[in-house]
Amino acid sequence: MTSRTTTWALALVLAGSILGVTHAEEITLKVHHFLPSTSNAQQKLIQPWCDKIAKESKGGLKCQIYPSMQLGGTAPQLYDQVKDGVVDIVWALPGYTPGRFPIVEVFELPFMSRNAEATSQAVWDYVQQNDKAEFADVKALAFHTHGGGVFHMVKKPIKTRADLKGQKIRAPTRQTNKMMAIMGATPVGMPVPQVPEALSKGVIDGALVPYEVVPAIKANELTKFHSEPDASEPAIYTSVFIFAMNKAKYDSLPPDMKKVIDANSGIALSAQAGRIFQDAEIVGKQQLPPDSINVISHDEIESWKKVAQPVVDGWVKEVTDKGANGQALLDSAQSLIGKYTK
């Protein structure tokens, strides 16, 4: 009887130990971002990525996703939240903290990108080659861009530069704000979650955002005119996004879990993210009446490039004054975009 009792006791202890180890190996990652759970960012990028690492880690890694800034703070604070370990992973825009990441801003200069997938791969390579220091305090999982920005206006379309004069237009980044100012508009910088209220209250006359985000900000309901550049021309602007992990959290992972993260990050994830957002442009555009969309002509955009050139020159001078070789960085970014553009 004593022997049988001892055997059962040992079995229970062993079972408890095994269960304890299993529980310890299940790591839940808090993922924070600024768009709704219905957004393309969550539905097509973040959630599938989380599902993939859960499967490949055999349940060792799991995500708890918090959309719409549910853990507090504002969209510009996301980078610091992941840097400081408030959350484990974020999807964010470096450009929401103006001037903090000047080297990567080269991709946000006017008329740089023609294709989000190609440009996203270019951003990843560019950071690895030229810009690791700006992002040294996080574990970068991917960089990507969206499709090109489009004007969504309340009262009138944008057909020529003259149509921009005096219009209060939301722009997302420092460089895009500079471009709008030099083009004659009144730039109003704000993160995209603030755009619907600003449109509905008349704080802005329109917004410069990609078609992809149209449903999320209700641009199909709040604006009437949509103006895009001729298909032969590059995007008016694009923004750089980062998908990043807290470094200490990554370093704390067991080696096999690190391998799962590493296998699901880098240039391949960057390209995938760019492709997701490029494809989402089509869906977003379909939310708008075809007769509400106009094309800004090739000749008009060519004239815009000349007017906006001081923005490019200003960026080159700014980063050169800070000790970098601005022209070499611009050449590198353009070369890498060309490398991946098919």
Protein backbone atom coordinates (compact mmCIF):
# COMPACT_ATOMS: atom_id res chain seq x y z
CA MET A 1 0.00 0.00 0.00
CA THR A 2 2.81 2.37 0.90
CA SER A 3 4.67 1.50 -2.30
CA ARG A 4 1.52 2.07 -4.37
CA THR A 5 0.91 5.44 -2.69
CA THR A 6 4.50 6.52 -3.28
CA THR A 7 4.25 5.56 -6.93
CA TRP A 8 1.09 7.66 -7.39
CA ALA A 9 2.67 10.57 -5.54
CA LEU A 10 5.74 10.46 -7.79
CA ALA A 11 3.54 10.26 -10.87
CA LEU A 12 1.58 13.32 -9.76
CA VAL A 13 4.75 15.27 -9.04
CA LEU A 14 6.16 14.32 -12.45
CA ALA A 15 2.94 15.27 -14.21
CA GLY A 16 2.88 18.57 -12.36
CA SER A 17 6.46 19.26 -13.36
CA ILE A 18 5.72 18.53 -17.00
CA LEU A 19 2.66 20.76 -16.95
CA GLY A 20 4.66 23.46 -15.25
CA VAL A 21 7.36 23.35 -17.95
CA THR A 22 4.74 23.42 -20.69
CA HIS A 23 3.06 26.45 -19.12
CA ALA A 24 6.41 28.21 -18.75
CA GLU A 25 7.18 27.70 -22.44
CA GLU A 26 3.97 29.39 -23.58
CA ILE A 27 4.95 32.99 -24.18
CA THR A 28 2.26 35.57 -24.89
CA LEU A 29 3.35 38.65 -26.81
CA LYS A 30 1.41 41.88 -26.36
CA VAL A 31 0.99 43.49 -29.78
CA HIS A 32 -0.16 47.11 -29.93
CA HIS A 33 -1.21 49.25 -32.91
CA PHE A 34 -3.33 52.30 -33.70
CA LEU A 35 -5.91 51.11 -36.24
CA PRO A 36 -9.18 49.20 -35.65
CA SER A 37 -9.26 45.41 -35.50
CA THR A 38 -11.04 45.47 -38.88
CA SER A 39 -8.13 47.26 -40.57
CA ASN A 40 -5.92 45.68 -43.22
CA ALA A 41 -3.00 46.09 -40.85
CA GLN A 42 -4.53 43.66 -38.35
CA GLN A 43 -6.55 41.39 -40.62
CA LYS A 44 -3.95 40.84 -43.33
CA LEU A 45 -0.59 41.47 -41.68
CA ILE A 46 -0.52 41.30 -37.88
CA GLN A 47 -3.04 38.49 -37.24
CA PRO A 48 -1.67 36.17 -39.97
CA TRP A 49 1.85 36.78 -38.68
CA CYS A 50 0.75 35.90 -35.15
CA ASP A 51 -1.01 32.76 -36.40
CA LYS A 52 2.11 31.71 -38.27
CA ILE A 53 4.50 32.07 -35.34
CA ALA A 54 2.01 30.23 -33.10
CA LYS A 55 1.89 27.33 -35.55
CA GLU A 56 5.63 27.18 -36.14
CA SER A 57 6.38 27.39 -32.42
CA LYS A 58 3.81 24.65 -31.74
CA GLY A 59 1.93 27.02 -29.46
CA GLY A 60 5.03 28.26 -27.67
CA LEU A 61 4.49 31.79 -28.95
CA LYS A 62 1.11 33.45 -28.87
CA CYS A 63 -0.10 36.98 -29.49
CA GLN A 64 -2.58 39.14 -27.67
CA ILE A 65 -3.40 41.94 -30.11
CA TYR A 66 -4.55 45.31 -28.83
CA PRO A 67 -5.86 47.49 -31.70
CA SER A 68 -6.88 51.16 -31.60
CA MET A 69 -4.37 52.01 -28.85
CA GLN A 70 -6.31 49.93 -26.31
CA LEU A 71 -3.33 49.83 -23.95
CA GLY A 72 -3.22 53.61 -23.81
CA GLY A 73 -1.11 56.35 -25.27
CA THR A 74 -1.18 57.77 -28.76
CA ALA A 75 0.06 56.53 -32.13
CA PRO A 76 3.28 58.61 -31.95
CA GLN A 77 4.11 56.93 -28.62
CA LEU A 78 4.09 53.37 -29.97
CA TYR A 79 7.80 53.27 -30.76
CA ASP A 80 8.72 54.25 -27.21
CA GLN A 81 6.22 51.75 -25.83
CA VAL A 82 8.02 48.88 -27.51
CA LYS A 83 11.47 50.34 -26.80
CA ASP A 84 10.66 50.65 -23.10
CA GLY A 85 8.96 47.24 -22.81
CA VAL A 86 5.47 48.58 -22.11
CA VAL A 87 4.42 46.23 -24.92
CA ASP A 88 6.26 43.48 -26.74
CA ILE A 89 5.52 44.30 -30.39
CA VAL A 90 4.19 47.34 -32.23
CA TRP A 91 3.18 48.28 -35.72
CA ALA A 92 3.93 51.97 -36.04
CA LEU A 93 5.17 54.87 -38.17
CA PRO A 94 8.56 56.39 -37.33
CA GLY A 95 7.36 59.53 -39.12
CA TYR A 96 4.78 60.18 -36.42
CA THR A 97 7.64 61.51 -34.30
CA PRO A 98 8.94 64.26 -36.63
CA GLY A 99 12.71 64.59 -36.91
CA ARG A 100 13.52 61.59 -34.72
CA PHE A 101 14.36 59.24 -37.61
CA PRO A 102 15.74 61.56 -40.31
CA ILE A 103 17.84 58.99 -42.16
CA VAL A 104 14.91 56.72 -43.08
CA GLU A 105 12.84 59.77 -44.07
CA VAL A 106 14.47 59.59 -47.49
CA PHE A 107 11.68 57.21 -48.52
CA GLU A 108 9.07 59.79 -47.50
CA LEU A 109 10.43 62.43 -49.86
CA PRO A 110 8.15 63.44 -52.75
CA PHE A 111 7.82 61.10 -55.71
CA MET A 112 10.14 58.33 -54.49
CA SER A 113 8.02 55.18 -54.79
CA ARG A 114 6.20 53.42 -57.60
CA ASN A 115 5.41 50.13 -55.90
CA ALA A 116 4.97 49.36 -52.20
CA GLU A 117 6.37 45.83 -52.37
CA ALA A 118 9.55 46.97 -54.11
CA THR A 119 9.98 50.03 -51.89
CA SER A 120 9.44 47.96 -48.74
CA GLN A 121 12.29 45.65 -49.71
CA ALA A 122 14.40 48.69 -50.47
CA VAL A 123 13.69 50.15 -47.02
CA TRP A 124 14.75 46.93 -45.30
CA ASP A 125 18.05 46.78 -47.22
CA TYR A 126 18.66 50.50 -46.76
CA VAL A 127 18.27 50.28 -42.97
CA GLN A 128 20.63 47.29 -42.79
CA GLN A 129 23.22 49.11 -44.91
CA ASN A 130 22.87 52.70 -43.78
CA ASP A 131 20.56 53.18 -40.82
CA LYS A 132 20.92 50.57 -38.08
CA ALA A 133 21.76 53.20 -35.48
CA GLU A 134 18.34 54.90 -35.67
CA PHE A 135 16.59 51.65 -34.77
CA ALA A 136 19.24 50.10 -32.50
CA ASP A 137 16.99 50.17 -29.44
CA VAL A 138 14.38 47.78 -30.88
CA LYS A 139 14.35 44.45 -32.70
CA ALA A 140 13.09 45.37 -36.17
CA LEU A 141 10.92 42.62 -37.66
CA ALA A 142 10.01 44.42 -40.87
CA PHE A 143 9.87 47.79 -42.58
CA HIS A 144 7.32 48.56 -45.25
CA THR A 145 5.46 51.30 -47.07
CA HIS A 146 1.90 51.65 -48.31
CA GLY A 147 0.68 52.49 -51.80
CA GLY A 148 0.92 56.09 -52.89
CA GLY A 149 -0.94 58.90 -51.19
CA VAL A 150 -4.10 60.29 -52.79
CA PHE A 151 -5.98 63.54 -52.14
CA HIS A 152 -9.41 63.04 -50.55
CA MET A 153 -11.18 66.41 -50.52
CA VAL A 154 -14.47 67.67 -49.10
CA LYS A 155 -15.42 70.52 -51.44
CA LYS A 156 -13.36 70.35 -54.64
CA PRO A 157 -10.97 68.05 -56.48
CA ILE A 158 -7.26 68.66 -56.92
CA LYS A 159 -6.43 68.91 -60.61
CA THR A 160 -3.64 71.46 -60.67
CA ARG A 161 -1.26 73.03 -58.20
CA ALA A 162 -3.53 76.09 -58.09
CA ASP A 163 -6.26 73.93 -56.53
CA LEU A 164 -4.04 73.37 -53.50
CA LYS A 165 -3.72 77.04 -52.64
CA GLY A 166 -5.06 77.74 -49.16
CA GLN A 167 -6.50 74.26 -48.70
CA LYS A 168 -5.98 72.78 -45.23
CA ILE A 169 -4.70 69.31 -46.02
CA ARG A 170 -3.75 66.61 -43.58
CA ALA A 171 -0.33 65.20 -44.29
CA PRO A 172 1.24 62.32 -42.36
CA THR A 173 4.95 63.07 -42.21
CA ARG A 174 7.41 65.91 -41.85
CA GLN A 175 8.53 65.72 -45.47
CA THR A 176 4.98 65.55 -46.82
CA ASN A 177 4.04 68.58 -44.75
CA LYS A 178 6.97 70.46 -46.27
CA MET A 179 5.85 69.43 -49.74
CA MET A 180 2.28 70.60 -49.15
CA ALA A 181 3.54 73.96 -47.86
CA ILE A 182 5.80 74.53 -50.84
CA MET A 183 2.93 73.60 -53.16
CA GLY A 184 0.73 76.32 -51.65
CA ALA A 185 -1.49 74.27 -49.34
CA THR A 186 -1.77 74.70 -45.59
CA PRO A 187 -0.40 71.44 -44.16
CA VAL A 188 -1.98 70.02 -41.02
CA GLY A 189 0.06 67.21 -39.48
CA MET A 190 -1.83 64.50 -37.62
CA PRO A 191 -1.86 60.72 -37.22
CA VAL A 192 -4.48 58.98 -39.34
CA PRO A 193 -6.83 58.08 -36.42
CA GLN A 194 -7.53 61.81 -35.98
CA VAL A 195 -8.52 62.36 -39.61
CA PRO A 196 -12.24 61.38 -39.47
CA GLU A 197 -13.04 63.85 -36.70
CA ALA A 198 -10.94 66.58 -38.35
CA LEU A 199 -12.82 66.09 -41.62
CA SER A 200 -16.26 65.99 -40.01
CA LYS A 201 -15.60 69.18 -38.00
CA GLY A 202 -14.05 71.09 -40.88
CA VAL A 203 -10.65 71.33 -39.22
CA ILE A 204 -9.19 70.19 -42.55
CA ASP A 205 -10.45 70.49 -46.14
CA GLY A 206 -9.02 67.16 -47.14
CA ALA A 207 -6.48 64.46 -46.40
CA LEU A 208 -3.55 62.97 -48.23
CA VAL A 209 -3.76 59.23 -47.52
CA PRO A 210 -3.62 56.02 -49.58
CA TYR A 211 -6.77 54.34 -50.90
CA GLU A 212 -6.04 51.44 -48.56
CA VAL A 213 -7.10 53.40 -45.48
CA VAL A 214 -10.30 54.84 -47.02
CA PRO A 215 -12.70 52.49 -45.14
CA ALA A 216 -10.87 52.86 -41.82
CA ILE A 217 -11.15 56.67 -41.81
CA LYS A 218 -14.54 56.79 -43.58
CA ALA A 219 -13.11 58.87 -46.43
CA ASN A 220 -15.81 57.33 -48.63
CA GLU A 221 -18.41 59.07 -46.42
CA LEU A 222 -16.62 62.23 -45.32
CA THR A 223 -15.05 63.34 -48.63
CA LYS A 224 -16.47 63.71 -52.16
CA PHE A 225 -13.45 64.17 -54.44
CA HIS A 226 -10.44 61.90 -54.86
CA SER A 227 -7.38 62.87 -56.89
CA GLU A 228 -4.57 60.52 -57.87
CA PRO A 229 -1.46 61.02 -60.04
CA ASP A 230 -1.25 59.68 -63.58
CA ALA A 231 -0.34 55.97 -63.59
CA SER A 232 2.96 56.74 -65.36
CA GLU A 233 4.11 58.82 -62.39
CA PRO A 234 5.51 57.80 -58.99
CA ALA A 235 3.49 58.20 -55.81
CA ILE A 236 3.03 61.74 -54.50
CA TYR A 237 4.31 60.39 -51.19
CA THR A 238 4.55 57.25 -49.15
CA SER A 239 5.14 56.55 -45.45
CA VAL A 240 7.54 54.13 -43.76
CA PHE A 241 6.10 51.68 -41.21
CA ILE A 242 7.99 49.54 -38.73
CA PHE A 243 6.94 46.23 -37.20
CA ALA A 244 9.18 45.99 -34.16
CA MET A 245 9.78 43.90 -31.04
CA ASN A 246 11.18 44.86 -27.66
CA LYS A 247 14.86 43.87 -27.62
CA ALA A 248 14.87 42.52 -24.06
CA LYS A 249 11.80 40.40 -24.80
CA TYR A 250 13.45 38.95 -27.89
CA ASP A 251 16.71 38.32 -26.02
CA SER A 252 14.78 36.50 -23.28
CA LEU A 253 13.31 33.96 -25.68
CA PRO A 254 14.65 30.39 -25.77
CA PRO A 255 16.82 29.70 -28.85
CA ASP A 256 14.10 27.72 -30.64
CA MET A 257 11.60 30.55 -30.16
CA LYS A 258 14.13 33.09 -31.46
CA LYS A 259 14.49 30.96 -34.57
CA VAL A 260 10.75 31.19 -35.18
CA ILE A 261 10.82 34.98 -34.87
CA ASP A 262 13.89 35.23 -37.11
CA ALA A 263 12.30 32.99 -39.74
CA ASN A 264 9.31 35.32 -39.84
CA SER A 265 11.06 38.66 -40.05
CA GLY A 266 13.36 40.50 -42.39
CA ILE A 267 13.17 41.32 -46.08
CA ALA A 268 10.63 38.60 -46.89
CA LEU A 269 8.17 39.91 -44.29
CA SER A 270 8.86 43.46 -45.47
CA ALA A 271 8.04 42.50 -49.06
CA GLN A 272 4.91 40.66 -47.95
CA ALA A 273 3.72 43.67 -45.97
CA GLY A 274 4.30 45.99 -48.90
CA ARG A 275 2.40 43.62 -51.20
CA ILE A 276 -0.51 43.43 -48.74
CA PHE A 277 -0.82 47.20 -48.64
CA GLN A 278 -0.36 47.56 -52.40
CA ASP A 279 -3.13 45.04 -53.06
CA ALA A 280 -5.36 46.76 -50.50
CA GLU A 281 -5.25 49.90 -52.63
CA ILE A 282 -7.59 48.22 -55.12
CA VAL A 283 -10.12 47.29 -52.45
CA GLY A 284 -10.03 50.76 -50.89
CA LYS A 285 -10.51 52.46 -54.25
CA GLN A 286 -13.53 50.27 -54.96
CA GLN A 287 -15.27 51.87 -51.97
CA LEU A 288 -15.49 55.14 -53.93
CA PRO A 289 -17.82 56.08 -56.81
CA PRO A 290 -15.76 55.98 -60.03
CA ASP A 291 -16.98 59.41 -61.08
CA SER A 292 -15.60 60.91 -57.84
CA ILE A 293 -12.02 60.06 -58.86
CA ASN A 294 -9.91 62.25 -61.12
CA VAL A 295 -6.38 61.82 -62.44
CA ILE A 296 -3.77 64.54 -62.10
CA SER A 297 -2.08 64.64 -65.49
CA HIS A 298 1.45 63.54 -66.29
CA ASP A 299 2.48 67.07 -67.28
CA GLU A 300 1.01 68.53 -64.10
CA ILE A 301 2.88 66.04 -61.89
CA GLU A 302 6.10 66.73 -63.78
CA SER A 303 5.71 70.40 -62.88
CA TRP A 304 5.06 69.44 -59.24
CA LYS A 305 8.35 67.56 -59.11
CA LYS A 306 10.26 70.72 -59.97
CA VAL A 307 8.41 72.76 -57.38
CA ALA A 308 8.99 70.08 -54.71
CA GLN A 309 12.72 69.64 -55.43
CA PRO A 310 13.72 72.02 -52.60
CA VAL A 311 12.16 69.52 -50.16
CA VAL A 312 14.55 66.86 -51.44
CA ASP A 313 17.50 69.25 -51.40
CA GLY A 314 16.56 70.34 -47.89
CA TRP A 315 16.60 66.76 -46.62
CA VAL A 316 20.02 66.15 -48.19
CA LYS A 317 21.41 69.26 -46.51
CA GLU A 318 19.80 68.47 -43.16
CA VAL A 319 21.22 64.97 -42.80
CA THR A 320 24.58 66.11 -44.20
CA ASP A 321 24.74 68.84 -41.58
CA LYS A 322 24.20 66.10 -38.97
CA GLY A 323 27.25 64.21 -40.18
CA ALA A 324 25.81 61.84 -42.78
CA ASN A 325 26.34 61.93 -46.54
CA GLY A 326 22.88 63.02 -47.63
CA GLN A 327 23.42 62.68 -51.36
CA ALA A 328 24.92 59.21 -50.98
CA LEU A 329 21.94 58.13 -48.86
CA LEU A 330 19.48 59.50 -51.42
CA ASP A 331 21.36 57.70 -54.21
CA SER A 332 21.33 54.49 -52.16
CA ALA A 333 17.57 54.66 -51.57
CA GLN A 334 16.84 55.36 -55.23
CA SER A 335 19.17 52.58 -56.35
CA LEU A 336 17.55 50.04 -54.01
CA ILE A 337 14.05 51.02 -55.14
CA GLY A 338 15.21 50.54 -58.73
CA LYS A 339 16.72 47.15 -57.84
CA TYR A 340 13.41 45.76 -56.62
CA THR A 341 11.01 47.56 -58.97
CA LYS A 342 9.97 45.23 -61.79
